[in-house]
Amino acid sequence: MHSGPEESPWWSTERHLARRPFLEARGRIKTAVRRWFEDRGFTEVECPALQVSPGNEAHLHAFRTEKIGSDGLPVTRYLHTSPEFTAKKLLAAGETAIFDFARVWRNREGGPLHSNEFTLLEWYRAGAPYEQLMDDATELMRLAAQTLGRKEFTWKGRTADPFAEPERLSVCAAFERYAGIDLLTTLNPDPAGAPDRDGLAAQAIARGYRVVEDDSWTDIYSRILVQSVEPNLGMGRPTIFHEYPTCEAALSRPVARDSRLAERFELYACGVELANAFGELTDPAEQRRRFEEEMAIKQAIYGETYPIDEDFLAALAHMPQASGIALGFERLVIVASGARSIKDVMWGEV
């Protein structure tokens, strides 16, 4: 029996021809985006992938390798999960506006929107508030649609108008609207303090969510987010989902008016997370504390930790106030082109 395009190897003529329009769309969007940054005075950088630490988020998993040092002994290195550490070192060195089409690697990831290897478009603005990145991301989303001559984004039957003014919805307001949960009352004003796990559990149980004894506050929060909140984001028009709990924003600074909240936002369209942004934390002592907390969680759940990049913490002390954002480039191409899967917009598969 003749196999169809989905069953064929990715390099077969039949399957490649089916994917090629999406790959062409990828190239056109990339060209337009690069020009957008250049027209605004950004410098394109190329952050090295091999790093001392791949990042210190509890639920991100890296690829580990070894290099042979000058003494002939093996040295552990990791493929980065984001170019963030290097980009911030460049800000400390004096760069003020940079972007990178960075190839990144994340283990244990797969599915229509996930790949072990993919492209993060990251950019940073020294001296800019993180609200500026909301405007940047909105412009780039519209640019992708304009480049392809599309009037709407699509994903699995859902649509969003990229030219509509994005809804700005706080995390706490979304939990109240879509889950009936008063999240703010469970947050601790002390960044080093734990959120009220039992308070959130009681609310969740009353609303019919499954809660087990060893669930942490983050477990319960994540379950409600995935089940009830995320599916409603970016429907009809994009959503800027902002002011995350500080305990869910390890790399961002607190909101000035309320230390329970952080300068973090995500951009959604058609229920798909496209970008993740921060008003960057520049306090090395607080950053170390948060990294150590994340690695303690990682050890408890997965039985492993990643090293802390001491050079990064040293650079952080010299870094100016800045804002940064990571946009999943393949995801932008998917919703802009109408592709069915991340495999449609990547030139090869592993």
Protein backbone atom coordinates (compact mmCIF):
# COMPACT_ATOMS: atom_id res chain seq x y z
CA MET A 1 0.00 0.00 0.00
CA HIS A 2 1.29 3.46 -0.86
CA SER A 3 1.91 5.57 2.23
CA GLY A 4 0.52 9.11 2.45
CA PRO A 5 2.55 12.24 3.12
CA GLU A 6 2.26 11.90 6.91
CA GLU A 7 3.61 8.34 6.87
CA SER A 8 6.44 9.13 4.45
CA PRO A 9 9.92 10.18 5.61
CA TRP A 10 10.19 13.95 5.94
CA TRP A 11 12.64 14.01 3.03
CA SER A 12 10.34 12.20 0.60
CA THR A 13 9.36 14.29 -2.41
CA GLU A 14 5.64 13.90 -1.74
CA ARG A 15 5.80 15.03 1.87
CA HIS A 16 8.31 17.79 1.20
CA LEU A 17 6.11 19.26 -1.53
CA ALA A 18 3.19 19.33 0.93
CA ARG A 19 5.31 21.21 3.47
CA ARG A 20 7.13 23.53 1.12
CA PRO A 21 4.52 26.36 1.10
CA PHE A 22 4.83 26.57 4.88
CA LEU A 23 8.63 26.58 4.67
CA GLU A 24 8.46 29.39 2.12
CA ALA A 25 6.18 31.28 4.51
CA ARG A 26 8.74 30.78 7.26
CA GLY A 27 11.46 32.33 5.09
CA ARG A 28 9.33 35.31 4.11
CA ILE A 29 8.38 36.04 7.72
CA LYS A 30 11.98 35.71 8.87
CA THR A 31 13.18 38.18 6.23
CA ALA A 32 10.48 40.69 7.18
CA VAL A 33 11.17 40.34 10.91
CA ARG A 34 14.91 40.79 10.47
CA ARG A 35 14.27 43.95 8.46
CA TRP A 36 11.90 45.22 11.18
CA PHE A 37 14.63 44.97 13.80
CA GLU A 38 17.30 46.47 11.59
CA ASP A 39 15.07 49.44 10.75
CA ARG A 40 14.79 50.13 14.49
CA GLY A 41 18.50 50.07 15.16
CA PHE A 42 18.77 46.62 16.74
CA THR A 43 21.97 44.60 16.43
CA GLU A 44 21.61 40.94 15.47
CA VAL A 45 23.69 38.70 17.73
CA GLU A 46 24.46 34.97 17.62
CA CYS A 47 24.62 33.57 21.13
CA PRO A 48 26.64 30.35 21.50
CA ALA A 49 24.58 27.25 22.25
CA LEU A 50 27.07 25.37 24.44
CA GLN A 51 26.83 26.67 28.00
CA VAL A 52 27.90 26.02 31.60
CA SER A 53 24.20 26.08 32.56
CA PRO A 54 21.24 25.54 30.23
CA GLY A 55 18.97 27.62 32.47
CA ASN A 56 17.60 27.09 35.96
CA GLU A 57 13.87 26.58 35.60
CA ALA A 58 12.53 23.56 37.44
CA HIS A 59 10.49 22.10 34.59
CA LEU A 60 12.82 22.76 31.65
CA HIS A 61 15.00 19.81 30.62
CA ALA A 62 18.29 20.17 28.78
CA PHE A 63 20.62 18.10 26.62
CA ARG A 64 23.94 17.38 28.28
CA THR A 65 27.25 16.74 26.57
CA GLU A 66 30.98 16.81 27.29
CA LYS A 67 33.87 18.73 25.83
CA ILE A 68 37.52 17.90 26.33
CA GLY A 69 39.32 20.63 28.26
CA SER A 70 42.85 21.90 27.68
CA ASP A 71 44.04 19.42 30.30
CA GLY A 72 42.55 16.53 28.33
CA LEU A 73 39.79 15.92 30.89
CA PRO A 74 36.06 15.92 30.08
CA VAL A 75 34.04 18.99 31.09
CA THR A 76 30.23 18.93 31.28
CA ARG A 77 28.38 21.41 29.11
CA TYR A 78 24.72 21.85 28.11
CA LEU A 79 22.89 22.99 24.99
CA HIS A 80 21.05 26.14 26.02
CA THR A 81 17.28 26.18 26.42
CA SER A 82 17.36 29.91 25.66
CA PRO A 83 20.06 32.44 24.69
CA GLU A 84 19.03 34.56 27.69
CA PHE A 85 22.16 34.26 29.84
CA THR A 86 24.49 35.24 26.99
CA ALA A 87 22.18 38.03 25.82
CA LYS A 88 22.13 39.57 29.28
CA LYS A 89 25.92 39.38 29.46
CA LEU A 90 25.95 41.37 26.21
CA LEU A 91 23.70 43.98 27.84
CA ALA A 92 26.17 44.15 30.73
CA ALA A 93 28.94 44.64 28.14
CA GLY A 94 27.19 47.70 26.73
CA GLU A 95 24.75 46.53 24.04
CA THR A 96 21.41 48.31 24.23
CA ALA A 97 19.10 46.72 21.63
CA ILE A 98 19.78 43.17 20.41
CA PHE A 99 17.95 40.28 18.79
CA ASP A 100 18.81 36.67 18.02
CA PHE A 101 17.15 33.97 15.90
CA ALA A 102 18.49 31.41 18.37
CA ARG A 103 18.47 27.69 17.84
CA VAL A 104 17.61 26.14 21.24
CA TRP A 105 17.16 22.65 22.65
CA ARG A 106 14.73 21.28 25.22
CA ASN A 107 14.50 17.65 26.20
CA ARG A 108 11.28 15.74 26.96
CA GLU A 109 9.27 17.94 24.56
CA GLY A 110 7.18 16.80 21.62
CA GLY A 111 3.82 17.34 19.97
CA PRO A 112 2.16 19.57 17.36
CA LEU A 113 3.57 22.72 18.99
CA HIS A 114 6.75 21.32 20.57
CA SER A 115 10.08 20.07 19.27
CA ASN A 116 13.33 19.14 20.98
CA GLU A 117 15.09 21.63 18.71
CA PHE A 118 13.46 24.89 17.63
CA THR A 119 14.01 28.62 17.13
CA LEU A 120 13.47 31.30 19.75
CA LEU A 121 13.42 34.85 18.48
CA GLU A 122 14.69 36.77 21.49
CA TRP A 123 15.16 40.50 21.78
CA TYR A 124 16.19 42.86 24.57
CA ARG A 125 15.83 46.59 25.11
CA ALA A 126 18.01 48.31 27.71
CA GLY A 127 16.22 51.07 29.60
CA ALA A 128 12.79 50.16 28.23
CA PRO A 129 9.71 49.18 30.27
CA TYR A 130 8.31 45.75 29.57
CA GLU A 131 5.16 47.36 28.18
CA GLN A 132 7.30 48.34 25.17
CA LEU A 133 7.68 44.65 24.41
CA MET A 134 3.90 44.31 24.34
CA ASP A 135 3.88 46.82 21.50
CA ASP A 136 6.84 45.12 19.77
CA ALA A 137 5.22 41.69 19.89
CA THR A 138 1.91 43.07 18.61
CA GLU A 139 3.67 44.74 15.66
CA LEU A 140 5.59 41.58 14.76
CA MET A 141 2.44 39.48 14.93
CA ARG A 142 0.75 41.86 12.50
CA LEU A 143 3.85 41.93 10.31
CA ALA A 144 3.73 38.12 9.97
CA ALA A 145 0.10 38.31 8.84
CA GLN A 146 0.78 41.16 6.42
CA THR A 147 3.77 39.36 4.93
CA LEU A 148 1.62 36.36 4.06
CA GLY A 149 -1.45 38.40 3.09
CA ARG A 150 -3.49 36.80 5.88
CA LYS A 151 -6.37 38.46 7.72
CA GLU A 152 -6.54 36.00 10.60
CA PHE A 153 -4.48 33.49 12.55
CA THR A 154 -5.76 29.91 12.80
CA TRP A 155 -5.04 26.84 14.88
CA LYS A 156 -7.22 23.73 15.19
CA GLY A 157 -10.41 25.51 14.20
CA ARG A 158 -9.75 28.54 16.42
CA THR A 159 -9.18 31.99 14.97
CA ALA A 160 -7.77 35.33 16.09
CA ASP A 161 -7.56 38.67 14.32
CA PRO A 162 -3.91 39.80 14.62
CA PHE A 163 -4.91 43.34 13.64
CA ALA A 164 -7.39 43.70 16.50
CA GLU A 165 -6.22 45.49 19.64
CA PRO A 166 -4.98 42.74 22.00
CA GLU A 167 -6.90 42.13 25.19
CA ARG A 168 -4.75 42.91 28.23
CA LEU A 169 -5.76 40.44 30.91
CA SER A 170 -3.97 39.93 34.22
CA VAL A 171 -3.36 36.41 35.48
CA CYS A 172 -5.42 37.02 38.62
CA ALA A 173 -8.33 38.46 36.64
CA ALA A 174 -8.25 35.46 34.29
CA PHE A 175 -8.33 32.99 37.20
CA GLU A 176 -11.35 34.84 38.62
CA ARG A 177 -13.10 35.01 35.24
CA TYR A 178 -12.53 31.48 33.95
CA ALA A 179 -12.09 29.42 37.13
CA GLY A 180 -13.75 31.39 39.93
CA ILE A 181 -10.47 31.39 41.86
CA ASP A 182 -9.22 34.36 43.92
CA LEU A 183 -5.53 33.80 43.22
CA LEU A 184 -4.26 37.06 44.70
CA THR A 185 -5.26 36.12 48.25
CA THR A 186 -3.03 33.05 48.09
CA LEU A 187 0.14 34.99 47.16
CA ASN A 188 2.82 36.01 49.64
CA PRO A 189 4.01 39.65 49.58
CA ASP A 190 7.46 38.43 50.67
CA PRO A 191 9.24 37.16 47.50
CA ALA A 192 11.10 34.63 49.65
CA GLY A 193 7.90 33.43 51.30
CA ALA A 194 5.79 30.52 50.14
CA PRO A 195 2.32 31.07 48.66
CA ASP A 196 -0.70 29.71 50.53
CA ARG A 197 -0.96 26.19 49.19
CA ASP A 198 -3.85 25.15 51.44
CA GLY A 199 -5.83 28.27 50.62
CA LEU A 200 -5.55 27.61 46.89
CA ALA A 201 -6.32 23.91 47.41
CA ALA A 202 -9.51 24.73 49.30
CA GLN A 203 -10.71 27.06 46.54
CA ALA A 204 -9.82 24.54 43.84
CA ILE A 205 -11.64 21.67 45.56
CA ALA A 206 -14.71 23.85 46.04
CA ARG A 207 -14.68 24.54 42.30
CA GLY A 208 -14.40 20.85 41.40
CA TYR A 209 -10.70 20.60 40.54
CA ARG A 210 -8.76 17.48 41.45
CA VAL A 211 -6.27 18.08 44.26
CA VAL A 212 -4.09 15.40 45.85
CA GLU A 213 -2.20 15.57 49.11
CA ASP A 214 1.28 16.07 47.68
CA ASP A 215 0.23 18.77 45.18
CA SER A 216 2.21 21.97 45.65
CA TRP A 217 0.77 25.44 45.12
CA THR A 218 2.40 25.43 41.67
CA ASP A 219 0.85 22.06 40.80
CA ILE A 220 -2.64 23.33 41.60
CA TYR A 221 -2.02 26.65 39.85
CA SER A 222 -0.74 24.90 36.72
CA ARG A 223 -3.67 22.49 36.61
CA ILE A 224 -6.21 25.31 36.73
CA LEU A 225 -4.22 27.32 34.19
CA VAL A 226 -4.09 24.48 31.68
CA GLN A 227 -7.64 23.23 32.17
CA SER A 228 -9.62 26.46 32.43
CA VAL A 229 -7.59 29.55 31.62
CA GLU A 230 -5.25 28.89 28.67
CA PRO A 231 -7.97 27.47 26.37
CA ASN A 232 -9.74 30.85 26.56
CA LEU A 233 -6.74 33.06 25.75
CA GLY A 234 -6.30 34.66 22.34
CA MET A 235 -9.74 33.73 21.04
CA GLY A 236 -11.02 36.12 18.38
CA ARG A 237 -8.20 38.52 19.16
CA PRO A 238 -4.76 38.18 20.76
CA THR A 239 -4.40 38.24 24.54
CA ILE A 240 -1.55 39.82 26.49
CA PHE A 241 -1.61 37.73 29.66
CA HIS A 242 0.30 39.77 32.22
CA GLU A 243 1.29 40.30 35.87
CA TYR A 244 2.19 36.75 36.80
CA PRO A 245 2.58 35.70 40.43
CA THR A 246 6.18 36.46 41.44
CA CYS A 247 6.66 32.80 42.36
CA GLU A 248 5.95 31.93 38.69
CA ALA A 249 8.42 34.47 37.25
CA ALA A 250 11.91 33.57 38.42
CA LEU A 251 13.71 35.94 36.05
CA SER A 252 11.53 39.04 36.35
CA ARG A 253 11.36 41.99 38.71
CA PRO A 254 8.31 42.60 40.95
CA VAL A 255 5.54 44.99 39.94
CA ALA A 256 6.23 48.29 41.72
CA ARG A 257 2.76 48.55 43.30
CA ASP A 258 2.50 44.92 44.50
CA SER A 259 5.40 42.59 45.30
CA ARG A 260 3.10 39.58 44.93
CA LEU A 261 3.08 40.16 41.17
CA ALA A 262 5.87 40.24 38.59
CA GLU A 263 6.57 42.07 35.34
CA ARG A 264 5.96 39.06 33.14
CA PHE A 265 3.56 38.65 30.24
CA GLU A 266 2.79 36.05 27.61
CA LEU A 267 1.21 36.67 24.21
CA TYR A 268 -1.51 34.26 23.10
CA ALA A 269 -3.37 33.77 19.83
CA CYS A 270 -5.88 30.96 19.18
CA GLY A 271 -5.07 29.50 22.61
CA VAL A 272 -1.40 29.18 21.60
CA GLU A 273 1.34 30.80 23.67
CA LEU A 274 3.52 32.73 21.21
CA ALA A 275 5.85 34.76 23.43
CA ASN A 276 7.07 35.12 27.02
CA ALA A 277 8.46 38.45 28.27
CA PHE A 278 9.99 39.94 31.41
CA GLY A 279 10.94 43.20 33.00
CA GLU A 280 14.34 41.73 33.82
CA LEU A 281 15.53 41.10 37.36
CA THR A 282 18.99 42.63 37.90
CA ASP A 283 19.57 41.80 41.58
CA PRO A 284 22.17 38.98 41.61
CA ALA A 285 21.47 37.96 45.21
CA GLU A 286 17.73 37.63 44.60
CA GLN A 287 18.40 35.86 41.30
CA ARG A 288 20.64 33.33 43.05
CA ARG A 289 17.95 32.69 45.67
CA ARG A 290 15.36 32.08 42.97
CA PHE A 291 17.66 29.78 40.99
CA GLU A 292 18.43 27.74 44.11
CA GLU A 293 14.72 27.49 44.87
CA GLU A 294 13.99 26.30 41.33
CA MET A 295 16.76 23.72 41.49
CA ALA A 296 15.48 22.41 44.82
CA ILE A 297 12.11 21.82 43.17
CA LYS A 298 13.82 20.15 40.21
CA GLN A 299 15.78 17.84 42.51
CA ALA A 300 12.64 16.88 44.43
CA ILE A 301 10.61 16.10 41.29
CA TYR A 302 13.17 14.88 38.75
CA GLY A 303 16.19 13.88 40.84
CA GLU A 304 18.58 16.23 39.02
CA THR A 305 19.79 19.82 39.03
CA TYR A 306 21.73 22.10 36.69
CA PRO A 307 24.68 24.27 37.71
CA ILE A 308 24.27 27.98 38.30
CA ASP A 309 26.22 30.13 35.87
CA GLU A 310 28.33 32.21 38.25
CA ASP A 311 29.57 34.33 35.36
CA PHE A 312 25.97 35.24 34.58
CA LEU A 313 25.32 36.35 38.16
CA ALA A 314 28.50 38.43 38.11
CA ALA A 315 27.39 40.10 34.86
CA LEU A 316 23.92 40.73 36.27
CA ALA A 317 25.36 43.16 38.78
CA HIS A 318 26.53 45.32 35.82
CA MET A 319 23.47 44.90 33.63
CA PRO A 320 21.27 47.97 33.08
CA GLN A 321 17.54 47.92 33.68
CA ALA A 322 16.11 46.15 30.65
CA SER A 323 13.22 44.16 29.25
CA GLY A 324 13.46 40.97 27.21
CA ILE A 325 11.19 38.60 25.34
CA ALA A 326 11.35 35.15 23.74
CA LEU A 327 9.00 34.42 20.84
CA GLY A 328 8.53 30.90 19.53
CA PHE A 329 9.29 31.57 15.89
CA GLU A 330 7.84 28.31 14.56
CA ARG A 331 4.63 28.91 16.50
CA LEU A 332 4.25 32.34 14.94
CA VAL A 333 4.70 30.79 11.49
CA ILE A 334 2.18 28.04 12.31
CA VAL A 335 -0.68 30.35 13.28
CA ALA A 336 0.14 32.87 10.54
CA SER A 337 0.38 30.30 7.74
CA GLY A 338 -2.31 27.85 8.83
CA ALA A 339 0.16 24.97 9.25
CA ARG A 340 -1.00 21.85 11.07
CA SER A 341 2.12 21.11 13.11
CA ILE A 342 5.56 22.41 13.99
CA LYS A 343 6.90 19.72 11.64
CA ASP A 344 5.34 21.60 8.72
CA VAL A 345 7.49 24.68 9.35
CA MET A 346 10.87 23.05 10.09
CA TRP A 347 13.32 22.07 7.36
CA GLY A 348 14.08 18.66 8.82
CA GLU A 349 13.24 16.29 11.64
CA VAL A 350 15.24 14.25 14.11
